[in-house]
Full PDB file with SEQRES, HELIX, SHEET, SSBOND, CRYST1, ORIGX, SCALE, CONECT and MASTER records, all heavy atoms in Angstrom:
SEQRES   1 A   43  GLY THR TYR LEU ALA LEU GLN GLY PHE VAL LEU GLN LEU          
SEQRES   2 A   43  ASP ASP LYS ASP GLN LYS ALA ILE ALA LEU ALA ILE ILE          
SEQRES   3 A   43  THR VAL VAL ILE ALA ALA GLY THR TYR VAL TRP ARG GLN          
SEQRES   4 A   43  ARG ARG GLY VAL                                              
HELIX    1 AA1 THR A    2  VAL A   10  1                                   9    
HELIX    2 AA2 LYS A   16  ARG A   40  1                                  25    
CRYST1    1.000    1.000    1.000  90.00  90.00  90.00 P 1           1          
ORIGX1      1.000000  0.000000  0.000000        0.00000                         
ORIGX2      0.000000  1.000000  0.000000        0.00000                         
ORIGX3      0.000000  0.000000  1.000000        0.00000                         
SCALE1      1.000000  0.000000  0.000000        0.00000                         
SCALE2      0.000000  1.000000  0.000000        0.00000                         
SCALE3      0.000000  0.000000  1.000000        0.00000                         
ATOM      1  N   GLY A   1      12.973-118.566  63.532  1.00  0.00           N  
ATOM      2  CA  GLY A   1      11.874-117.684  63.150  1.00  0.00           C  
ATOM      3  C   GLY A   1      12.250-116.768  62.006  1.00  0.00           C  
ATOM      4  O   GLY A   1      11.468-116.554  61.068  1.00  0.00           O  
ATOM      5  N   THR A   2      13.446-116.214  62.067  1.00  0.00           N  
ATOM      6  CA  THR A   2      13.930-115.344  60.998  1.00  0.00           C  
ATOM      7  C   THR A   2      14.042-116.114  59.691  1.00  0.00           C  
ATOM      8  O   THR A   2      13.614-115.639  58.631  1.00  0.00           O  
ATOM      9  CB  THR A   2      15.297-114.735  61.380  1.00  0.00           C  
ATOM     10  OG1 THR A   2      15.146-114.018  62.609  1.00  0.00           O  
ATOM     11  CG2 THR A   2      15.815-113.808  60.290  1.00  0.00           C  
ATOM     12  N   TYR A   3      14.583-117.319  59.770  1.00  0.00           N  
ATOM     13  CA  TYR A   3      14.736-118.136  58.566  1.00  0.00           C  
ATOM     14  C   TYR A   3      13.368-118.437  57.947  1.00  0.00           C  
ATOM     15  O   TYR A   3      13.185-118.320  56.733  1.00  0.00           O  
ATOM     16  CB  TYR A   3      15.476-119.439  58.878  1.00  0.00           C  
ATOM     17  CG  TYR A   3      15.689-120.274  57.646  1.00  0.00           C  
ATOM     18  CD1 TYR A   3      16.803-120.080  56.841  1.00  0.00           C  
ATOM     19  CD2 TYR A   3      14.760-121.229  57.246  1.00  0.00           C  
ATOM     20  CE1 TYR A   3      16.991-120.813  55.687  1.00  0.00           C  
ATOM     21  CE2 TYR A   3      14.930-121.970  56.095  1.00  0.00           C  
ATOM     22  CZ  TYR A   3      16.051-121.758  55.316  1.00  0.00           C  
ATOM     23  OH  TYR A   3      16.216-122.478  54.165  1.00  0.00           O  
ATOM     24  N   LEU A   4      12.410-118.838  58.775  1.00  0.00           N  
ATOM     25  CA  LEU A   4      11.077-119.170  58.247  1.00  0.00           C  
ATOM     26  C   LEU A   4      10.440-117.975  57.548  1.00  0.00           C  
ATOM     27  O   LEU A   4       9.819-118.130  56.481  1.00  0.00           O  
ATOM     28  CB  LEU A   4      10.164-119.662  59.369  1.00  0.00           C  
ATOM     29  CG  LEU A   4      10.376-121.096  59.823  1.00  0.00           C  
ATOM     30  CD1 LEU A   4       9.477-121.399  61.014  1.00  0.00           C  
ATOM     31  CD2 LEU A   4      10.107-122.076  58.691  1.00  0.00           C  
ATOM     32  N   ALA A   5      10.577-116.793  58.132  1.00  0.00           N  
ATOM     33  CA  ALA A   5      10.000-115.597  57.528  1.00  0.00           C  
ATOM     34  C   ALA A   5      10.640-115.313  56.168  1.00  0.00           C  
ATOM     35  O   ALA A   5       9.932-115.048  55.180  1.00  0.00           O  
ATOM     36  CB  ALA A   5      10.170-114.405  58.460  1.00  0.00           C  
ATOM     37  N   LEU A   6      11.954-115.378  56.097  1.00  0.00           N  
ATOM     38  CA  LEU A   6      12.652-115.102  54.842  1.00  0.00           C  
ATOM     39  C   LEU A   6      12.418-116.198  53.808  1.00  0.00           C  
ATOM     40  O   LEU A   6      12.275-115.917  52.607  1.00  0.00           O  
ATOM     41  CB  LEU A   6      14.146-114.907  55.102  1.00  0.00           C  
ATOM     42  CG  LEU A   6      14.499-113.662  55.914  1.00  0.00           C  
ATOM     43  CD1 LEU A   6      15.987-113.660  56.269  1.00  0.00           C  
ATOM     44  CD2 LEU A   6      14.107-112.398  55.173  1.00  0.00           C  
ATOM     45  N   GLN A   7      12.369-117.434  54.253  1.00  0.00           N  
ATOM     46  CA  GLN A   7      12.126-118.553  53.338  1.00  0.00           C  
ATOM     47  C   GLN A   7      10.778-118.388  52.635  1.00  0.00           C  
ATOM     48  O   GLN A   7      10.642-118.705  51.456  1.00  0.00           O  
ATOM     49  CB  GLN A   7      12.151-119.878  54.103  1.00  0.00           C  
ATOM     50  CG  GLN A   7      11.789-121.067  53.239  1.00  0.00           C  
ATOM     51  CD  GLN A   7      11.635-122.339  54.048  1.00  0.00           C  
ATOM     52  OE1 GLN A   7      12.504-123.174  53.990  1.00  0.00           O  
ATOM     53  NE2 GLN A   7      10.555-122.474  54.782  1.00  0.00           N  
ATOM     54  N   GLY A   8       9.795-117.874  53.358  1.00  0.00           N  
ATOM     55  CA  GLY A   8       8.473-117.661  52.758  1.00  0.00           C  
ATOM     56  C   GLY A   8       8.530-116.766  51.532  1.00  0.00           C  
ATOM     57  O   GLY A   8       7.831-116.998  50.541  1.00  0.00           O  
ATOM     58  N   PHE A   9       9.368-115.732  51.578  1.00  0.00           N  
ATOM     59  CA  PHE A   9       9.533-114.849  50.411  1.00  0.00           C  
ATOM     60  C   PHE A   9      10.291-115.550  49.294  1.00  0.00           C  
ATOM     61  O   PHE A   9       9.909-115.484  48.131  1.00  0.00           O  
ATOM     62  CB  PHE A   9      10.284-113.571  50.792  1.00  0.00           C  
ATOM     63  CG  PHE A   9       9.533-112.692  51.757  1.00  0.00           C  
ATOM     64  CD1 PHE A   9      10.026-112.488  53.028  1.00  0.00           C  
ATOM     65  CD2 PHE A   9       8.348-112.080  51.387  1.00  0.00           C  
ATOM     66  CE1 PHE A   9       9.350-111.673  53.922  1.00  0.00           C  
ATOM     67  CE2 PHE A   9       7.664-111.266  52.271  1.00  0.00           C  
ATOM     68  CZ  PHE A   9       8.164-111.062  53.542  1.00  0.00           C  
ATOM     69  N   VAL A  10      11.382-116.212  49.670  1.00  0.00           N  
ATOM     70  CA  VAL A  10      12.262-116.820  48.668  1.00  0.00           C  
ATOM     71  C   VAL A  10      11.554-117.934  47.894  1.00  0.00           C  
ATOM     72  O   VAL A  10      11.738-118.063  46.678  1.00  0.00           O  
ATOM     73  CB  VAL A  10      13.554-117.346  49.324  1.00  0.00           C  
ATOM     74  CG1 VAL A  10      14.384-118.151  48.352  1.00  0.00           C  
ATOM     75  CG2 VAL A  10      14.363-116.183  49.882  1.00  0.00           C  
ATOM     76  N   LEU A  11      10.755-118.730  48.565  1.00  0.00           N  
ATOM     77  CA  LEU A  11      10.095-119.854  47.891  1.00  0.00           C  
ATOM     78  C   LEU A  11       9.072-119.402  46.857  1.00  0.00           C  
ATOM     79  O   LEU A  11       8.608-120.209  46.055  1.00  0.00           O  
ATOM     80  CB  LEU A  11       9.458-120.793  48.917  1.00  0.00           C  
ATOM     81  CG  LEU A  11      10.452-121.570  49.774  1.00  0.00           C  
ATOM     82  CD1 LEU A  11       9.727-122.477  50.756  1.00  0.00           C  
ATOM     83  CD2 LEU A  11      11.428-122.374  48.917  1.00  0.00           C  
ATOM     84  N   GLN A  12       8.752-118.129  46.831  1.00  0.00           N  
ATOM     85  CA  GLN A  12       7.837-117.603  45.817  1.00  0.00           C  
ATOM     86  C   GLN A  12       8.545-117.320  44.490  1.00  0.00           C  
ATOM     87  O   GLN A  12       7.888-117.082  43.474  1.00  0.00           O  
ATOM     88  CB  GLN A  12       7.157-116.338  46.330  1.00  0.00           C  
ATOM     89  CG  GLN A  12       6.232-116.610  47.504  1.00  0.00           C  
ATOM     90  CD  GLN A  12       5.577-115.359  48.025  1.00  0.00           C  
ATOM     91  OE1 GLN A  12       5.320-114.417  47.273  1.00  0.00           O  
ATOM     92  NE2 GLN A  12       5.300-115.333  49.310  1.00  0.00           N  
ATOM     93  N   LEU A  13       9.882-117.354  44.494  1.00  0.00           N  
ATOM     94  CA  LEU A  13      10.635-117.154  43.258  1.00  0.00           C  
ATOM     95  C   LEU A  13      10.373-118.312  42.301  1.00  0.00           C  
ATOM     96  O   LEU A  13      10.179-119.456  42.724  1.00  0.00           O  
ATOM     97  CB  LEU A  13      12.134-117.060  43.553  1.00  0.00           C  
ATOM     98  CG  LEU A  13      12.603-115.889  44.415  1.00  0.00           C  
ATOM     99  CD1 LEU A  13      14.071-116.071  44.778  1.00  0.00           C  
ATOM    100  CD2 LEU A  13      12.374-114.572  43.700  1.00  0.00           C  
ATOM    101  N   ASP A  14      10.410-118.034  41.011  1.00  0.00           N  
ATOM    102  CA  ASP A  14      10.176-119.070  40.011  1.00  0.00           C  
ATOM    103  C   ASP A  14      11.435-119.861  39.677  1.00  0.00           C  
ATOM    104  O   ASP A  14      11.375-121.048  39.397  1.00  0.00           O  
ATOM    105  CB  ASP A  14       9.619-118.449  38.718  1.00  0.00           C  
ATOM    106  CG  ASP A  14       8.210-117.903  38.915  1.00  0.00           C  
ATOM    107  OD1 ASP A  14       7.461-118.480  39.725  1.00  0.00           O  
ATOM    108  OD2 ASP A  14       7.879-116.890  38.268  1.00  0.00           O  
ATOM    109  N   ASP A  15      12.574-119.213  39.708  1.00  0.00           N  
ATOM    110  CA  ASP A  15      13.830-119.834  39.305  1.00  0.00           C  
ATOM    111  C   ASP A  15      14.424-120.651  40.448  1.00  0.00           C  
ATOM    112  O   ASP A  15      14.715-120.116  41.519  1.00  0.00           O  
ATOM    113  CB  ASP A  15      14.805-118.730  38.867  1.00  0.00           C  
ATOM    114  CG  ASP A  15      16.083-119.290  38.270  1.00  0.00           C  
ATOM    115  OD1 ASP A  15      16.873-119.863  39.053  1.00  0.00           O  
ATOM    116  OD2 ASP A  15      16.276-119.152  37.060  1.00  0.00           O  
ATOM    117  N   LYS A  16      14.629-121.934  40.195  1.00  0.00           N  
ATOM    118  CA  LYS A  16      15.158-122.839  41.231  1.00  0.00           C  
ATOM    119  C   LYS A  16      16.571-122.463  41.652  1.00  0.00           C  
ATOM    120  O   LYS A  16      16.925-122.567  42.819  1.00  0.00           O  
ATOM    121  CB  LYS A  16      15.108-124.286  40.731  1.00  0.00           C  
ATOM    122  CG  LYS A  16      15.297-125.307  41.810  1.00  0.00           C  
ATOM    123  CD  LYS A  16      15.013-126.718  41.313  1.00  0.00           C  
ATOM    124  CE  LYS A  16      15.154-127.703  42.443  1.00  0.00           C  
ATOM    125  NZ  LYS A  16      14.831-129.060  42.071  1.00  0.00           N  
ATOM    126  N   ASP A  17      17.398-121.994  40.707  1.00  0.00           N  
ATOM    127  CA  ASP A  17      18.763-121.578  41.032  1.00  0.00           C  
ATOM    128  C   ASP A  17      18.757-120.341  41.932  1.00  0.00           C  
ATOM    129  O   ASP A  17      19.542-120.251  42.880  1.00  0.00           O  
ATOM    130  CB  ASP A  17      19.576-121.292  39.761  1.00  0.00           C  
ATOM    131  CG  ASP A  17      19.890-122.566  38.970  1.00  0.00           C  
ATOM    132  OD1 ASP A  17      19.873-123.665  39.584  1.00  0.00           O  
ATOM    133  OD2 ASP A  17      20.141-122.459  37.766  1.00  0.00           O  
ATOM    134  N   GLN A  18      17.872-119.402  41.641  1.00  0.00           N  
ATOM    135  CA  GLN A  18      17.752-118.212  42.485  1.00  0.00           C  
ATOM    136  C   GLN A  18      17.321-118.607  43.900  1.00  0.00           C  
ATOM    137  O   GLN A  18      17.830-118.057  44.877  1.00  0.00           O  
ATOM    138  CB  GLN A  18      16.743-117.221  41.906  1.00  0.00           C  
ATOM    139  CG  GLN A  18      17.250-116.429  40.739  1.00  0.00           C  
ATOM    140  CD  GLN A  18      16.215-115.425  40.257  1.00  0.00           C  
ATOM    141  OE1 GLN A  18      15.006-115.598  40.451  1.00  0.00           O  
ATOM    142  NE2 GLN A  18      16.679-114.368  39.613  1.00  0.00           N  
ATOM    143  N   LYS A  19      16.392-119.529  43.984  1.00  0.00           N  
ATOM    144  CA  LYS A  19      15.955-120.010  45.304  1.00  0.00           C  
ATOM    145  C   LYS A  19      17.126-120.607  46.068  1.00  0.00           C  
ATOM    146  O   LYS A  19      17.328-120.312  47.248  1.00  0.00           O  
ATOM    147  CB  LYS A  19      14.864-121.079  45.167  1.00  0.00           C  
ATOM    148  CG  LYS A  19      13.521-120.582  44.786  1.00  0.00           C  
ATOM    149  CD  LYS A  19      12.560-121.764  44.729  1.00  0.00           C  
ATOM    150  CE  LYS A  19      11.283-121.403  44.022  1.00  0.00           C  
ATOM    151  NZ  LYS A  19      10.370-122.551  43.940  1.00  0.00           N  
ATOM    152  N   ALA A  20      17.895-121.453  45.401  1.00  0.00           N  
ATOM    153  CA  ALA A  20      19.024-122.123  46.051  1.00  0.00           C  
ATOM    154  C   ALA A  20      20.052-121.114  46.546  1.00  0.00           C  
ATOM    155  O   ALA A  20      20.523-121.203  47.691  1.00  0.00           O  
ATOM    156  CB  ALA A  20      19.672-123.120  45.091  1.00  0.00           C  
ATOM    157  N   ILE A  21      20.398-120.147  45.701  1.00  0.00           N  
ATOM    158  CA  ILE A  21      21.406-119.144  46.075  1.00  0.00           C  
ATOM    159  C   ILE A  21      20.893-118.284  47.228  1.00  0.00           C  
ATOM    160  O   ILE A  21      21.605-118.052  48.213  1.00  0.00           O  
ATOM    161  CB  ILE A  21      21.796-118.283  44.855  1.00  0.00           C  
ATOM    162  CG1 ILE A  21      22.568-119.128  43.840  1.00  0.00           C  
ATOM    163  CG2 ILE A  21      22.610-117.068  45.279  1.00  0.00           C  
ATOM    164  CD1 ILE A  21      22.734-118.490  42.477  1.00  0.00           C  
ATOM    165  N   ALA A  22      19.662-117.813  47.115  1.00  0.00           N  
ATOM    166  CA  ALA A  22      19.103-116.956  48.166  1.00  0.00           C  
ATOM    167  C   ALA A  22      19.017-117.712  49.495  1.00  0.00           C  
ATOM    168  O   ALA A  22      19.399-117.175  50.546  1.00  0.00           O  
ATOM    169  CB  ALA A  22      17.721-116.454  47.748  1.00  0.00           C  
ATOM    170  N   LEU A  23      18.541-118.943  49.468  1.00  0.00           N  
ATOM    171  CA  LEU A  23      18.433-119.716  50.709  1.00  0.00           C  
ATOM    172  C   LEU A  23      19.809-120.045  51.283  1.00  0.00           C  
ATOM    173  O   LEU A  23      19.983-120.062  52.501  1.00  0.00           O  
ATOM    174  CB  LEU A  23      17.623-120.990  50.482  1.00  0.00           C  
ATOM    175  CG  LEU A  23      16.122-120.781  50.244  1.00  0.00           C  
ATOM    176  CD1 LEU A  23      15.443-122.092  49.867  1.00  0.00           C  
ATOM    177  CD2 LEU A  23      15.465-120.154  51.463  1.00  0.00           C  
ATOM    178  N   ALA A  24      20.793-120.288  50.420  1.00  0.00           N  
ATOM    179  CA  ALA A  24      22.152-120.560  50.907  1.00  0.00           C  
ATOM    180  C   ALA A  24      22.725-119.323  51.595  1.00  0.00           C  
ATOM    181  O   ALA A  24      23.320-119.425  52.682  1.00  0.00           O  
ATOM    182  CB  ALA A  24      23.050-121.001  49.760  1.00  0.00           C  
ATOM    183  N   ILE A  25      22.543-118.152  50.990  1.00  0.00           N  
ATOM    184  CA  ILE A  25      23.050-116.914  51.590  1.00  0.00           C  
ATOM    185  C   ILE A  25      22.354-116.647  52.925  1.00  0.00           C  
ATOM    186  O   ILE A  25      23.003-116.331  53.928  1.00  0.00           O  
ATOM    187  CB  ILE A  25      22.874-115.726  50.621  1.00  0.00           C  
ATOM    188  CG1 ILE A  25      23.818-115.882  49.427  1.00  0.00           C  
ATOM    189  CG2 ILE A  25      23.094-114.389  51.333  1.00  0.00           C  
ATOM    190  CD1 ILE A  25      23.548-114.923  48.286  1.00  0.00           C  
ATOM    191  N   ILE A  26      21.047-116.787  52.955  1.00  0.00           N  
ATOM    192  CA  ILE A  26      20.281-116.581  54.188  1.00  0.00           C  
ATOM    193  C   ILE A  26      20.751-117.542  55.272  1.00  0.00           C  
ATOM    194  O   ILE A  26      20.948-117.155  56.428  1.00  0.00           O  
ATOM    195  CB  ILE A  26      18.771-116.743  53.912  1.00  0.00           C  
ATOM    196  CG1 ILE A  26      18.267-115.563  53.070  1.00  0.00           C  
ATOM    197  CG2 ILE A  26      17.981-116.872  55.204  1.00  0.00           C  
ATOM    198  CD1 ILE A  26      16.882-115.783  52.475  1.00  0.00           C  
ATOM    199  N   THR A  27      20.971-118.794  54.903  1.00  0.00           N  
ATOM    200  CA  THR A  27      21.414-119.810  55.873  1.00  0.00           C  
ATOM    201  C   THR A  27      22.767-119.449  56.463  1.00  0.00           C  
ATOM    202  O   THR A  27      22.956-119.505  57.683  1.00  0.00           O  
ATOM    203  CB  THR A  27      21.474-121.200  55.203  1.00  0.00           C  
ATOM    204  OG1 THR A  27      20.158-121.536  54.726  1.00  0.00           O  
ATOM    205  CG2 THR A  27      21.948-122.261  56.173  1.00  0.00           C  
ATOM    206  N   VAL A  28      23.714-119.067  55.629  1.00  0.00           N  
ATOM    207  CA  VAL A  28      25.054-118.725  56.106  1.00  0.00           C  
ATOM    208  C   VAL A  28      25.015-117.487  56.999  1.00  0.00           C  
ATOM    209  O   VAL A  28      25.635-117.460  58.065  1.00  0.00           O  
ATOM    210  CB  VAL A  28      26.021-118.519  54.908  1.00  0.00           C  
ATOM    211  CG1 VAL A  28      27.326-117.893  55.352  1.00  0.00           C  
ATOM    212  CG2 VAL A  28      26.267-119.842  54.204  1.00  0.00           C  
ATOM    213  N   VAL A  29      24.275-116.464  56.587  1.00  0.00           N  
ATOM    214  CA  VAL A  29      24.197-115.233  57.373  1.00  0.00           C  
ATOM    215  C   VAL A  29      23.560-115.505  58.738  1.00  0.00           C  
ATOM    216  O   VAL A  29      24.060-115.057  59.776  1.00  0.00           O  
ATOM    217  CB  VAL A  29      23.427-114.135  56.602  1.00  0.00           C  
ATOM    218  CG1 VAL A  29      23.089-112.960  57.508  1.00  0.00           C  
ATOM    219  CG2 VAL A  29      24.231-113.681  55.397  1.00  0.00           C  
ATOM    220  N   ILE A  30      22.467-116.257  58.758  1.00  0.00           N  
ATOM    221  CA  ILE A  30      21.803-116.538  60.031  1.00  0.00           C  
ATOM    222  C   ILE A  30      22.654-117.459  60.903  1.00  0.00           C  
ATOM    223  O   ILE A  30      22.707-117.277  62.129  1.00  0.00           O  
ATOM    224  CB  ILE A  30      20.394-117.112  59.805  1.00  0.00           C  
ATOM    225  CG1 ILE A  30      19.500-116.038  59.164  1.00  0.00           C  
ATOM    226  CG2 ILE A  30      19.784-117.601  61.115  1.00  0.00           C  
ATOM    227  CD1 ILE A  30      18.113-116.533  58.780  1.00  0.00           C  
ATOM    228  N   ALA A  31      23.334-118.423  60.314  1.00  0.00           N  
ATOM    229  CA  ALA A  31      24.204-119.311  61.102  1.00  0.00           C  
ATOM    230  C   ALA A  31      25.312-118.507  61.784  1.00  0.00           C  
ATOM    231  O   ALA A  31      25.571-118.678  62.978  1.00  0.00           O  
ATOM    232  CB  ALA A  31      24.795-120.403  60.208  1.00  0.00           C  
ATOM    233  N   ALA A  32      25.952-117.614  61.035  1.00  0.00           N  
ATOM    234  CA  ALA A  32      26.998-116.771  61.631  1.00  0.00           C  
ATOM    235  C   ALA A  32      26.409-115.854  62.698  1.00  0.00           C  
ATOM    236  O   ALA A  32      26.983-115.679  63.779  1.00  0.00           O  
ATOM    237  CB  ALA A  32      27.692-115.951  60.545  1.00  0.00           C  
ATOM    238  N   GLY A  33      25.260-115.285  62.405  1.00  0.00           N  
ATOM    239  CA  GLY A  33      24.597-114.415  63.371  1.00  0.00           C  
ATOM    240  C   GLY A  33      24.201-115.139  64.638  1.00  0.00           C  
ATOM    241  O   GLY A  33      24.227-114.568  65.735  1.00  0.00           O  
ATOM    242  N   THR A  34      23.844-116.405  64.508  1.00  0.00           N  
ATOM    243  CA  THR A  34      23.463-117.206  65.678  1.00  0.00           C  
ATOM    244  C   THR A  34      24.630-117.345  66.634  1.00  0.00           C  
ATOM    245  O   THR A  34      24.476-117.204  67.851  1.00  0.00           O  
ATOM    246  CB  THR A  34      22.968-118.597  65.224  1.00  0.00           C  
ATOM    247  OG1 THR A  34      21.776-118.412  64.456  1.00  0.00           O  
ATOM    248  CG2 THR A  34      22.677-119.497  66.398  1.00  0.00           C  
ATOM    249  N   TYR A  35      25.798-117.608  66.112  1.00  0.00           N  
ATOM    250  CA  TYR A  35      26.986-117.739  66.957  1.00  0.00           C  
ATOM    251  C   TYR A  35      27.241-116.438  67.722  1.00  0.00           C  
ATOM    252  O   TYR A  35      27.426-116.441  68.935  1.00  0.00           O  
ATOM    253  CB  TYR A  35      28.211-118.112  66.117  1.00  0.00           C  
ATOM    254  CG  TYR A  35      29.435-118.360  66.954  1.00  0.00           C  
ATOM    255  CD1 TYR A  35      29.720-119.629  67.418  1.00  0.00           C  
ATOM    256  CD2 TYR A  35      30.291-117.320  67.307  1.00  0.00           C  
ATOM    257  CE1 TYR A  35      30.831-119.862  68.207  1.00  0.00           C  
ATOM    258  CE2 TYR A  35      31.401-117.547  68.094  1.00  0.00           C  
ATOM    259  CZ  TYR A  35      31.672-118.821  68.539  1.00  0.00           C  
ATOM    260  OH  TYR A  35      32.772-119.040  69.330  1.00  0.00           O  
ATOM    261  N   VAL A  36      27.222-115.325  66.996  1.00  0.00           N  
ATOM    262  CA  VAL A  36      27.490-114.019  67.613  1.00  0.00           C  
ATOM    263  C   VAL A  36      26.398-113.673  68.615  1.00  0.00           C  
ATOM    264  O   VAL A  36      26.681-113.202  69.718  1.00  0.00           O  
ATOM    265  CB  VAL A  36      27.616-112.920  66.528  1.00  0.00           C  
ATOM    266  CG1 VAL A  36      27.694-111.536  67.149  1.00  0.00           C  
ATOM    267  CG2 VAL A  36      28.820-113.196  65.640  1.00  0.00           C  
ATOM    268  N   TRP A  37      25.148-113.916  68.268  1.00  0.00           N  
ATOM    269  CA  TRP A  37      24.031-113.576  69.155  1.00  0.00           C  
ATOM    270  C   TRP A  37      24.121-114.371  70.456  1.00  0.00           C  
ATOM    271  O   TRP A  37      23.925-113.820  71.531  1.00  0.00           O  
ATOM    272  CB  TRP A  37      22.707-113.846  68.444  1.00  0.00           C  
ATOM    273  CG  TRP A  37      21.511-113.464  69.246  1.00  0.00           C  
ATOM    274  CD1 TRP A  37      21.027-112.207  69.458  1.00  0.00           C  
ATOM    275  CD2 TRP A  37      20.646-114.344  69.950  1.00  0.00           C  
ATOM    276  NE1 TRP A  37      19.918-112.260  70.252  1.00  0.00           N  
ATOM    277  CE2 TRP A  37      19.653-113.558  70.568  1.00  0.00           C  
ATOM    278  CE3 TRP A  37      20.606-115.726  70.111  1.00  0.00           C  
ATOM    279  CZ2 TRP A  37      18.639-114.109  71.343  1.00  0.00           C  
ATOM    280  CZ3 TRP A  37      19.596-116.276  70.881  1.00  0.00           C  
ATOM    281  CH2 TRP A  37      18.632-115.466  71.479  1.00  0.00           C  
ATOM    282  N   ARG A  38      24.428-115.655  70.358  1.00  0.00           N  
ATOM    283  CA  ARG A  38      24.550-116.462  71.576  1.00  0.00           C  
ATOM    284  C   ARG A  38      25.721-115.994  72.436  1.00  0.00           C  
ATOM    285  O   ARG A  38      25.651-116.001  73.653  1.00  0.00           O  
ATOM    286  CB  ARG A  38      24.711-117.951  71.233  1.00  0.00           C  
ATOM    287  CG  ARG A  38      23.420-118.603  70.748  1.00  0.00           C  
ATOM    288  CD  ARG A  38      22.423-118.677  71.877  1.00  0.00           C  
ATOM    289  NE  ARG A  38      21.106-119.024  71.435  1.00  0.00           N  
ATOM    290  CZ  ARG A  38      20.449-120.112  71.791  1.00  0.00           C  
ATOM    291  NH1 ARG A  38      20.995-120.983  72.592  1.00  0.00           N  
ATOM    292  NH2 ARG A  38      19.231-120.325  71.354  1.00  0.00           N  
ATOM    293  N   GLN A  39      26.793-115.576  71.791  1.00  0.00           N  
ATOM    294  CA  GLN A  39      27.933-115.052  72.550  1.00  0.00           C  
ATOM    295  C   GLN A  39      27.524-113.784  73.290  1.00  0.00           C  
ATOM    296  O   GLN A  39      27.833-113.618  74.474  1.00  0.00           O  
ATOM    297  CB  GLN A  39      29.100-114.767  71.611  1.00  0.00           C  
ATOM    298  CG  GLN A  39      30.369-114.344  72.305  1.00  0.00           C  
ATOM    299  CD  GLN A  39      31.524-114.207  71.323  1.00  0.00           C  
ATOM    300  OE1 GLN A  39      31.324-113.956  70.137  1.00  0.00           O  
ATOM    301  NE2 GLN A  39      32.715-114.380  71.820  1.00  0.00           N  
ATOM    302  N   ARG A  40      26.819-112.910  72.627  1.00  0.00           N  
ATOM    303  CA  ARG A  40      26.371-111.660  73.258  1.00  0.00           C  
ATOM    304  C   ARG A  40      25.314-111.888  74.326  1.00  0.00           C  
ATOM    305  O   ARG A  40      25.156-111.053  75.212  1.00  0.00           O  
ATOM    306  CB  ARG A  40      25.841-110.698  72.194  1.00  0.00           C  
ATOM    307  CG  ARG A  40      26.949-110.168  71.330  1.00  0.00           C  
ATOM    308  CD  ARG A  40      26.455-109.140  70.366  1.00  0.00           C  
ATOM    309  NE  ARG A  40      27.576-108.648  69.580  1.00  0.00           N  
ATOM    310  CZ  ARG A  40      27.436-107.910  68.510  1.00  0.00           C  
ATOM    311  NH1 ARG A  40      26.240-107.565  68.094  1.00  0.00           N  
ATOM    312  NH2 ARG A  40      28.498-107.499  67.850  1.00  0.00           N  
ATOM    313  N   ARG A  41      24.589-112.991  74.239  1.00  0.00           N  
ATOM    314  CA  ARG A  41      23.581-113.321  75.249  1.00  0.00           C  
ATOM    315  C   ARG A  41      24.185-114.049  76.446  1.00  0.00           C  
ATOM    316  O   ARG A  41      23.483-114.496  77.335  1.00  0.00           O  
ATOM    317  CB  ARG A  41      22.466-114.186  74.652  1.00  0.00           C  
ATOM    318  CG  ARG A  41      21.538-113.477  73.699  1.00  0.00           C  
ATOM    319  CD  ARG A  41      20.638-112.464  74.375  1.00  0.00           C  
ATOM    320  NE  ARG A  41      19.909-112.994  75.487  1.00  0.00           N  
ATOM    321  CZ  ARG A  41      18.630-113.271  75.503  1.00  0.00           C  
ATOM    322  NH1 ARG A  41      17.909-113.058  74.432  1.00  0.00           N  
ATOM    323  NH2 ARG A  41      18.056-113.750  76.581  1.00  0.00           N  
ATOM    324  N   GLY A  42      25.506-114.210  76.455  1.00  0.00           N  
ATOM    325  CA  GLY A  42      26.176-114.747  77.631  1.00  0.00           C  
ATOM    326  C   GLY A  42      26.453-116.238  77.620  1.00  0.00           C  
ATOM    327  O   GLY A  42      26.811-116.798  78.653  1.00  0.00           O  
ATOM    328  N   VAL A  43      26.308-116.913  76.483  1.00  0.00           N  
ATOM    329  CA  VAL A  43      26.667-118.329  76.418  1.00  0.00           C  
ATOM    330  C   VAL A  43      28.186-118.396  76.466  1.00  0.00           C  
ATOM    331  O   VAL A  43      28.870-117.896  75.578  1.00  0.00           O  
ATOM    332  CB  VAL A  43      26.099-119.012  75.157  1.00  0.00           C  
ATOM    333  CG1 VAL A  43      26.599-120.440  75.053  1.00  0.00           C  
ATOM    334  CG2 VAL A  43      24.578-118.976  75.191  1.00  0.00           C  
TER     335      VAL A  43                                                      
MASTER        0    0    0    2    0    0    0    6  334    1    0    4          
END                                                                             
């Protein structure tokens, strides 16, 4: 859900390189956060 919300903003950018960098950063941050969040939720 977080990714979809952020992707909606990023895809409005005109520059394809900016889109790629922003989406890559968002993906890495959310992936790392997912691991930590699941650990804190008791997995």
